[in-house]
Amino acid sequence: MKDQRGICDECGSEFLISASKMKALCPECSHILYGYENFAHVFKNGRCEKCL
């Protein structure tokens, strides 16, 4: 499941499921909507290397 990708139900972005506390939401949306801890994104070529 480490490299398994999902599509966020809220914003439609692609993300690594292992990077989020919720299966159906990207880390950013789970942080904004439900207060889950977020992490510092590391951007390269316009995408976060940690969560996509």
PDB file of N, CA and C in Angstrom:
ATOM      1  N   MET A   1       0.825  -1.192   0.000  1.00  0.00           N
ATOM      2  CA  MET A   1       0.000   0.000   0.000  1.00  0.00           C
ATOM      3  C   MET A   1       0.868   1.255   0.000  1.00  0.00           C
ATOM      4  N   LYS A   2       2.153   1.139   0.197  1.00  0.00           N
ATOM      5  CA  LYS A   2       3.029   2.304   0.292  1.00  0.00           C
ATOM      6  C   LYS A   2       2.951   3.200  -0.940  1.00  0.00           C
ATOM      7  N   ASP A   3       2.929   2.620  -2.123  1.00  0.00           N
ATOM      8  CA  ASP A   3       2.908   3.413  -3.351  1.00  0.00           C
ATOM      9  C   ASP A   3       1.532   3.491  -3.996  1.00  0.00           C
ATOM     10  N   GLN A   4       0.510   3.021  -3.297  1.00  0.00           N
ATOM     11  CA  GLN A   4      -0.836   3.036  -3.844  1.00  0.00           C
ATOM     12  C   GLN A   4      -1.352   4.466  -3.906  1.00  0.00           C
ATOM     13  N   ARG A   5      -1.918   4.815  -5.044  1.00  0.00           N
ATOM     14  CA  ARG A   5      -2.411   6.175  -5.248  1.00  0.00           C
ATOM     15  C   ARG A   5      -3.927   6.214  -5.205  1.00  0.00           C
ATOM     16  N   GLY A   6      -4.424   7.349  -4.767  1.00  0.00           N
ATOM     17  CA  GLY A   6      -5.859   7.566  -4.726  1.00  0.00           C
ATOM     18  C   GLY A   6      -6.193   8.928  -5.291  1.00  0.00           C
ATOM     19  N   ILE A   7      -7.475   9.169  -5.477  1.00  0.00           N
ATOM     20  CA  ILE A   7      -7.971  10.466  -5.922  1.00  0.00           C
ATOM     21  C   ILE A   7      -8.813  11.026  -4.778  1.00  0.00           C
ATOM     22  N   CYS A   8      -8.490  12.238  -4.364  1.00  0.00           N
ATOM     23  CA  CYS A   8      -9.188  12.867  -3.242  1.00  0.00           C
ATOM     24  C   CYS A   8     -10.658  13.117  -3.597  1.00  0.00           C
ATOM     25  N   ASP A   9     -11.553  12.652  -2.726  1.00  0.00           N
ATOM     26  CA  ASP A   9     -12.991  12.853  -2.936  1.00  0.00           C
ATOM     27  C   ASP A   9     -13.389  14.316  -2.873  1.00  0.00           C
ATOM     28  N   GLU A  10     -12.625  15.123  -2.177  1.00  0.00           N
ATOM     29  CA  GLU A  10     -12.971  16.532  -1.990  1.00  0.00           C
ATOM     30  C   GLU A  10     -12.422  17.425  -3.101  1.00  0.00           C
ATOM     31  N   CYS A  11     -11.115  17.359  -3.370  1.00  0.00           N
ATOM     32  CA  CYS A  11     -10.510  18.297  -4.332  1.00  0.00           C
ATOM     33  C   CYS A  11     -10.127  17.656  -5.671  1.00  0.00           C
ATOM     34  N   GLY A  12     -10.168  16.324  -5.740  1.00  0.00           N
ATOM     35  CA  GLY A  12      -9.891  15.638  -6.994  1.00  0.00           C
ATOM     36  C   GLY A  12      -8.418  15.447  -7.319  1.00  0.00           C
ATOM     37  N   SER A  13      -7.526  15.768  -6.378  1.00  0.00           N
ATOM     38  CA  SER A  13      -6.099  15.617  -6.648  1.00  0.00           C
ATOM     39  C   SER A  13      -5.640  14.180  -6.402  1.00  0.00           C
ATOM     40  N   GLU A  14      -4.577  13.788  -7.089  1.00  0.00           N
ATOM     41  CA  GLU A  14      -3.969  12.482  -6.883  1.00  0.00           C
ATOM     42  C   GLU A  14      -3.058  12.563  -5.656  1.00  0.00           C
ATOM     43  N   PHE A  15      -3.044  11.505  -4.844  1.00  0.00           N
ATOM     44  CA  PHE A  15      -2.198  11.505  -3.650  1.00  0.00           C
ATOM     45  C   PHE A  15      -1.803  10.075  -3.308  1.00  0.00           C
ATOM     46  N   LEU A  16      -0.723   9.938  -2.536  1.00  0.00           N
ATOM     47  CA  LEU A  16      -0.323   8.635  -2.016  1.00  0.00           C
ATOM     48  C   LEU A  16      -1.179   8.321  -0.802  1.00  0.00           C
ATOM     49  N   ILE A  17      -1.869   7.209  -0.846  1.00  0.00           N
ATOM     50  CA  ILE A  17      -2.769   6.838   0.241  1.00  0.00           C
ATOM     51  C   ILE A  17      -2.014   6.714   1.559  1.00  0.00           C
ATOM     52  N   SER A  18      -0.780   6.235   1.513  1.00  0.00           N
ATOM     53  CA  SER A  18       0.009   6.075   2.738  1.00  0.00           C
ATOM     54  C   SER A  18       0.372   7.412   3.388  1.00  0.00           C
ATOM     55  N   ALA A  19       0.248   8.513   2.651  1.00  0.00           N
ATOM     56  CA  ALA A  19       0.602   9.831   3.178  1.00  0.00           C
ATOM     57  C   ALA A  19      -0.545  10.503   3.925  1.00  0.00           C
ATOM     58  N   SER A  20      -1.736   9.933   3.826  1.00  0.00           N
ATOM     59  CA  SER A  20      -2.907  10.565   4.425  1.00  0.00           C
ATOM     60  C   SER A  20      -3.454   9.744   5.582  1.00  0.00           C
ATOM     61  N   LYS A  21      -4.097  10.415   6.512  1.00  0.00           N
ATOM     62  CA  LYS A  21      -4.748   9.744   7.635  1.00  0.00           C
ATOM     63  C   LYS A  21      -6.102   9.161   7.216  1.00  0.00           C
ATOM     64  N   MET A  22      -6.611   9.581   6.043  1.00  0.00           N
ATOM     65  CA  MET A  22      -7.896   9.115   5.551  1.00  0.00           C
ATOM     66  C   MET A  22      -7.717   8.542   4.144  1.00  0.00           C
ATOM     67  N   LYS A  23      -8.386   7.434   3.855  1.00  0.00           N
ATOM     68  CA  LYS A  23      -8.223   6.774   2.559  1.00  0.00           C
ATOM     69  C   LYS A  23      -8.773   7.589   1.389  1.00  0.00           C
ATOM     70  N   ALA A  24      -9.829   8.339   1.608  1.00  0.00           N
ATOM     71  CA  ALA A  24     -10.513   9.015   0.511  1.00  0.00           C
ATOM     72  C   ALA A  24     -10.158  10.492   0.371  1.00  0.00           C
ATOM     73  N   LEU A  25      -9.326  11.017   1.271  1.00  0.00           N
ATOM     74  CA  LEU A  25      -8.964  12.432   1.215  1.00  0.00           C
ATOM     75  C   LEU A  25      -7.445  12.597   1.201  1.00  0.00           C
ATOM     76  N   CYS A  26      -6.973  13.571   0.432  1.00  0.00           N
ATOM     77  CA  CYS A  26      -5.550  13.884   0.415  1.00  0.00           C
ATOM     78  C   CYS A  26      -5.158  14.470   1.775  1.00  0.00           C
ATOM     79  N   PRO A  27      -3.871  14.502   2.105  1.00  0.00           N
ATOM     80  CA  PRO A  27      -3.453  15.026   3.404  1.00  0.00           C
ATOM     81  C   PRO A  27      -3.919  16.461   3.661  1.00  0.00           C
ATOM     82  N   GLU A  28      -3.915  17.283   2.632  1.00  0.00           N
ATOM     83  CA  GLU A  28      -4.317  18.690   2.796  1.00  0.00           C
ATOM     84  C   GLU A  28      -5.800  18.808   3.153  1.00  0.00           C
ATOM     85  N   CYS A  29      -6.655  18.087   2.432  1.00  0.00           N
ATOM     86  CA  CYS A  29      -8.092  18.147   2.719  1.00  0.00           C
ATOM     87  C   CYS A  29      -8.421  17.519   4.070  1.00  0.00           C
ATOM     88  N   SER A  30      -7.756  16.411   4.443  1.00  0.00           N
ATOM     89  CA  SER A  30      -8.024  15.813   5.752  1.00  0.00           C
ATOM     90  C   SER A  30      -7.579  16.750   6.879  1.00  0.00           C
ATOM     91  N   HIS A  31      -6.556  17.546   6.627  1.00  0.00           N
ATOM     92  CA  HIS A  31      -6.106  18.538   7.611  1.00  0.00           C
ATOM     93  C   HIS A  31      -7.119  19.683   7.725  1.00  0.00           C
ATOM     94  N   ILE A  32      -7.523  20.230   6.593  1.00  0.00           N
ATOM     95  CA  ILE A  32      -8.436  21.386   6.581  1.00  0.00           C
ATOM     96  C   ILE A  32      -9.823  21.004   7.101  1.00  0.00           C
ATOM     97  N   LEU A  33     -10.354  19.880   6.646  1.00  0.00           N
ATOM     98  CA  LEU A  33     -11.726  19.515   6.984  1.00  0.00           C
ATOM     99  C   LEU A  33     -11.879  18.862   8.358  1.00  0.00           C
ATOM    100  N   TYR A  34     -10.884  18.051   8.759  1.00  0.00           N
ATOM    101  CA  TYR A  34     -11.044  17.264   9.989  1.00  0.00           C
ATOM    102  C   TYR A  34      -9.959  17.514  11.031  1.00  0.00           C
ATOM    103  N   GLY A  35      -9.027  18.415  10.740  1.00  0.00           N
ATOM    104  CA  GLY A  35      -8.017  18.774  11.730  1.00  0.00           C
ATOM    105  C   GLY A  35      -6.906  17.760  11.928  1.00  0.00           C
ATOM    106  N   TYR A  36      -6.795  16.786  11.023  1.00  0.00           N
ATOM    107  CA  TYR A  36      -5.692  15.834  11.130  1.00  0.00           C
ATOM    108  C   TYR A  36      -4.369  16.558  10.931  1.00  0.00           C
ATOM    109  N   GLU A  37      -3.336  16.045  11.585  1.00  0.00           N
ATOM    110  CA  GLU A  37      -2.009  16.656  11.484  1.00  0.00           C
ATOM    111  C   GLU A  37      -1.528  16.657  10.035  1.00  0.00           C
ATOM    112  N   ASN A  38      -0.985  17.781   9.606  1.00  0.00           N
ATOM    113  CA  ASN A  38      -0.430  17.914   8.265  1.00  0.00           C
ATOM    114  C   ASN A  38       1.087  17.932   8.388  1.00  0.00           C
ATOM    115  N   PHE A  39       1.776  17.763   7.294  1.00  0.00           N
ATOM    116  CA  PHE A  39       3.227  17.778   7.309  1.00  0.00           C
ATOM    117  C   PHE A  39       3.734  18.827   6.341  1.00  0.00           C
ATOM    118  N   ALA A  40       5.006  19.141   6.444  1.00  0.00           N
ATOM    119  CA  ALA A  40       5.611  20.128   5.541  1.00  0.00           C
ATOM    120  C   ALA A  40       5.797  19.494   4.168  1.00  0.00           C
ATOM    121  N   HIS A  41       5.125  20.049   3.185  1.00  0.00           N
ATOM    122  CA  HIS A  41       5.247  19.528   1.825  1.00  0.00           C
ATOM    123  C   HIS A  41       6.617  19.891   1.247  1.00  0.00           C
ATOM    124  N   VAL A  42       7.153  19.015   0.408  1.00  0.00           N
ATOM    125  CA  VAL A  42       8.434  19.229  -0.268  1.00  0.00           C
ATOM    126  C   VAL A  42       8.138  19.194  -1.766  1.00  0.00           C
ATOM    127  N   PHE A  43       8.131  20.376  -2.403  1.00  0.00           N
ATOM    128  CA  PHE A  43       7.734  20.467  -3.801  1.00  0.00           C
ATOM    129  C   PHE A  43       8.907  20.312  -4.756  1.00  0.00           C
ATOM    130  N   LYS A  44       8.662  19.554  -5.814  1.00  0.00           N
ATOM    131  CA  LYS A  44       9.609  19.386  -6.907  1.00  0.00           C
ATOM    132  C   LYS A  44       8.783  19.261  -8.185  1.00  0.00           C
ATOM    133  N   ASN A  45       9.077  20.117  -9.149  1.00  0.00           N
ATOM    134  CA  ASN A  45       8.326  20.142 -10.405  1.00  0.00           C
ATOM    135  C   ASN A  45       6.824  20.310 -10.177  1.00  0.00           C
ATOM    136  N   GLY A  46       6.467  21.122  -9.190  1.00  0.00           N
ATOM    137  CA  GLY A  46       5.071  21.444  -8.949  1.00  0.00           C
ATOM    138  C   GLY A  46       4.269  20.423  -8.162  1.00  0.00           C
ATOM    139  N   ARG A  47       4.905  19.358  -7.673  1.00  0.00           N
ATOM    140  CA  ARG A  47       4.205  18.336  -6.897  1.00  0.00           C
ATOM    141  C   ARG A  47       4.971  18.030  -5.629  1.00  0.00           C
ATOM    142  N   CYS A  48       4.261  17.685  -4.585  1.00  0.00           N
ATOM    143  CA  CYS A  48       4.908  17.302  -3.336  1.00  0.00           C
ATOM    144  C   CYS A  48       5.507  15.904  -3.489  1.00  0.00           C
ATOM    145  N   GLU A  49       6.777  15.773  -3.108  1.00  0.00           N
ATOM    146  CA  GLU A  49       7.447  14.479  -3.204  1.00  0.00           C
ATOM    147  C   GLU A  49       6.936  13.477  -2.165  1.00  0.00           C
ATOM    148  N   LYS A  50       6.324  13.959  -1.087  1.00  0.00           N
ATOM    149  CA  LYS A  50       5.850  13.083  -0.023  1.00  0.00           C
ATOM    150  C   LYS A  50       4.453  12.518  -0.276  1.00  0.00           C
ATOM    151  N   CYS A  51       3.606  13.318  -0.905  1.00  0.00           N
ATOM    152  CA  CYS A  51       2.209  12.864  -1.048  1.00  0.00           C
ATOM    153  C   CYS A  51       1.654  12.972  -2.470  1.00  0.00           C
ATOM    154  N   LEU A  52       2.388  13.552  -3.360  1.00  0.00           N
ATOM    155  CA  LEU A  52       1.991  13.802  -4.746  1.00  0.00           C
ATOM    156  C   LEU A  52       1.098  15.018  -4.831  1.00  0.00           C
TER     157      LEU A  52
END
